[in-house]
Amino acid sequence: MLILRFYLDHSVEETAEILGVSPGTIKSQSARALKQLRIRTPR
């Protein structure tokens, strides 16, 4: 999902359609994944 959204530059709606989920799922999963990346990335 992160690859589709940020690397391939798809919109939330496009990503949701490709993965067969709702746009709300993409938004919540993106937020959760980005939070985890921030926590695990050393500064």
N, C-alpha and C. Protein backbone atom coordinates (compact mmCIF):
# COMPACT_ATOMS: atom_id res chain seq x y z
N MET A 1 0.82 -1.17 0.00
CA MET A 1 0.00 0.00 0.00
C MET A 1 0.87 1.25 0.00
N LEU A 2 1.92 1.25 0.81
CA LEU A 2 2.80 2.43 0.83
C LEU A 2 3.51 2.61 -0.51
N ILE A 3 3.87 1.51 -1.14
CA ILE A 3 4.53 1.59 -2.45
C ILE A 3 3.58 2.23 -3.46
N LEU A 4 2.34 1.76 -3.49
CA LEU A 4 1.36 2.32 -4.42
C LEU A 4 1.12 3.80 -4.16
N ARG A 5 0.97 4.15 -2.87
CA ARG A 5 0.64 5.54 -2.52
C ARG A 5 1.78 6.51 -2.75
N PHE A 6 2.96 6.17 -2.26
CA PHE A 6 4.03 7.17 -2.21
C PHE A 6 5.12 6.96 -3.25
N TYR A 7 5.40 5.72 -3.62
CA TYR A 7 6.44 5.48 -4.62
C TYR A 7 5.86 5.59 -6.03
N LEU A 8 4.70 4.98 -6.24
CA LEU A 8 4.06 5.02 -7.56
C LEU A 8 3.08 6.18 -7.70
N ASP A 9 2.90 6.94 -6.63
CA ASP A 9 2.11 8.18 -6.64
C ASP A 9 0.65 7.99 -7.04
N HIS A 10 0.02 6.92 -6.54
CA HIS A 10 -1.41 6.72 -6.76
C HIS A 10 -2.19 7.49 -5.69
N SER A 11 -3.38 7.90 -6.03
CA SER A 11 -4.25 8.56 -5.06
C SER A 11 -4.79 7.53 -4.07
N VAL A 12 -5.41 8.03 -3.01
CA VAL A 12 -6.05 7.14 -2.04
C VAL A 12 -7.10 6.28 -2.75
N GLU A 13 -7.90 6.91 -3.58
CA GLU A 13 -8.97 6.20 -4.28
C GLU A 13 -8.42 5.14 -5.23
N GLU A 14 -7.37 5.48 -5.97
CA GLU A 14 -6.76 4.51 -6.89
C GLU A 14 -6.18 3.33 -6.13
N THR A 15 -5.50 3.62 -5.05
CA THR A 15 -4.89 2.56 -4.24
C THR A 15 -5.97 1.65 -3.66
N ALA A 16 -7.05 2.24 -3.17
CA ALA A 16 -8.15 1.46 -2.62
C ALA A 16 -8.75 0.54 -3.68
N GLU A 17 -8.93 1.07 -4.87
CA GLU A 17 -9.50 0.26 -5.96
C GLU A 17 -8.57 -0.89 -6.33
N ILE A 18 -7.29 -0.62 -6.44
CA ILE A 18 -6.31 -1.65 -6.80
C ILE A 18 -6.31 -2.77 -5.75
N LEU A 19 -6.35 -2.39 -4.48
CA LEU A 19 -6.28 -3.38 -3.40
C LEU A 19 -7.63 -3.96 -2.99
N GLY A 20 -8.71 -3.38 -3.51
CA GLY A 20 -10.04 -3.90 -3.21
C GLY A 20 -10.51 -3.61 -1.79
N VAL A 21 -10.13 -2.44 -1.29
CA VAL A 21 -10.55 -2.02 0.05
C VAL A 21 -11.13 -0.61 -0.04
N SER A 22 -11.65 -0.12 1.07
CA SER A 22 -12.22 1.22 1.07
C SER A 22 -11.13 2.28 1.20
N PRO A 23 -11.40 3.50 0.73
CA PRO A 23 -10.44 4.59 0.90
C PRO A 23 -10.11 4.84 2.38
N GLY A 24 -11.08 4.66 3.26
CA GLY A 24 -10.83 4.85 4.68
C GLY A 24 -9.79 3.86 5.21
N THR A 25 -9.82 2.65 4.69
CA THR A 25 -8.82 1.65 5.08
C THR A 25 -7.43 2.08 4.65
N ILE A 26 -7.32 2.62 3.45
CA ILE A 26 -6.03 3.09 2.95
C ILE A 26 -5.51 4.22 3.84
N LYS A 27 -6.38 5.15 4.19
CA LYS A 27 -5.97 6.28 5.02
C LYS A 27 -5.50 5.82 6.40
N SER A 28 -6.27 4.95 7.03
CA SER A 28 -5.90 4.51 8.38
C SER A 28 -4.65 3.64 8.35
N GLN A 29 -4.54 2.75 7.38
CA GLN A 29 -3.36 1.90 7.29
C GLN A 29 -2.11 2.70 6.93
N SER A 30 -2.27 3.72 6.09
CA SER A 30 -1.13 4.59 5.76
C SER A 30 -0.63 5.31 7.00
N ALA A 31 -1.55 5.86 7.76
CA ALA A 31 -1.17 6.58 8.98
C ALA A 31 -0.47 5.65 9.95
N ARG A 32 -0.99 4.47 10.12
CA ARG A 32 -0.39 3.50 11.04
C ARG A 32 1.00 3.07 10.57
N ALA A 33 1.14 2.79 9.28
CA ALA A 33 2.43 2.36 8.75
C ALA A 33 3.47 3.48 8.83
N LEU A 34 3.08 4.70 8.50
CA LEU A 34 4.02 5.82 8.58
C LEU A 34 4.45 6.09 10.02
N LYS A 35 3.53 5.94 10.96
CA LYS A 35 3.87 6.11 12.36
C LYS A 35 4.92 5.08 12.78
N GLN A 36 4.73 3.84 12.36
CA GLN A 36 5.69 2.79 12.71
C GLN A 36 7.05 3.06 12.07
N LEU A 37 7.06 3.55 10.85
CA LEU A 37 8.33 3.88 10.21
C LEU A 37 9.05 5.00 10.95
N ARG A 38 8.30 5.99 11.42
CA ARG A 38 8.90 7.10 12.19
C ARG A 38 9.49 6.59 13.50
N ILE A 39 8.79 5.68 14.16
CA ILE A 39 9.27 5.13 15.44
C ILE A 39 10.53 4.32 15.23
N ARG A 40 10.61 3.56 14.15
CA ARG A 40 11.72 2.64 13.93
C ARG A 40 12.90 3.23 13.18
N THR A 41 12.75 4.43 12.67
CA THR A 41 13.82 5.06 11.91
C THR A 41 14.70 5.88 12.85
N PRO A 42 16.01 5.50 12.95
CA PRO A 42 16.89 6.27 13.81
C PRO A 42 17.12 7.68 13.24
N ARG A 43 17.31 8.62 14.12
CA ARG A 43 17.53 9.99 13.69
C ARG A 43 18.96 10.36 13.74
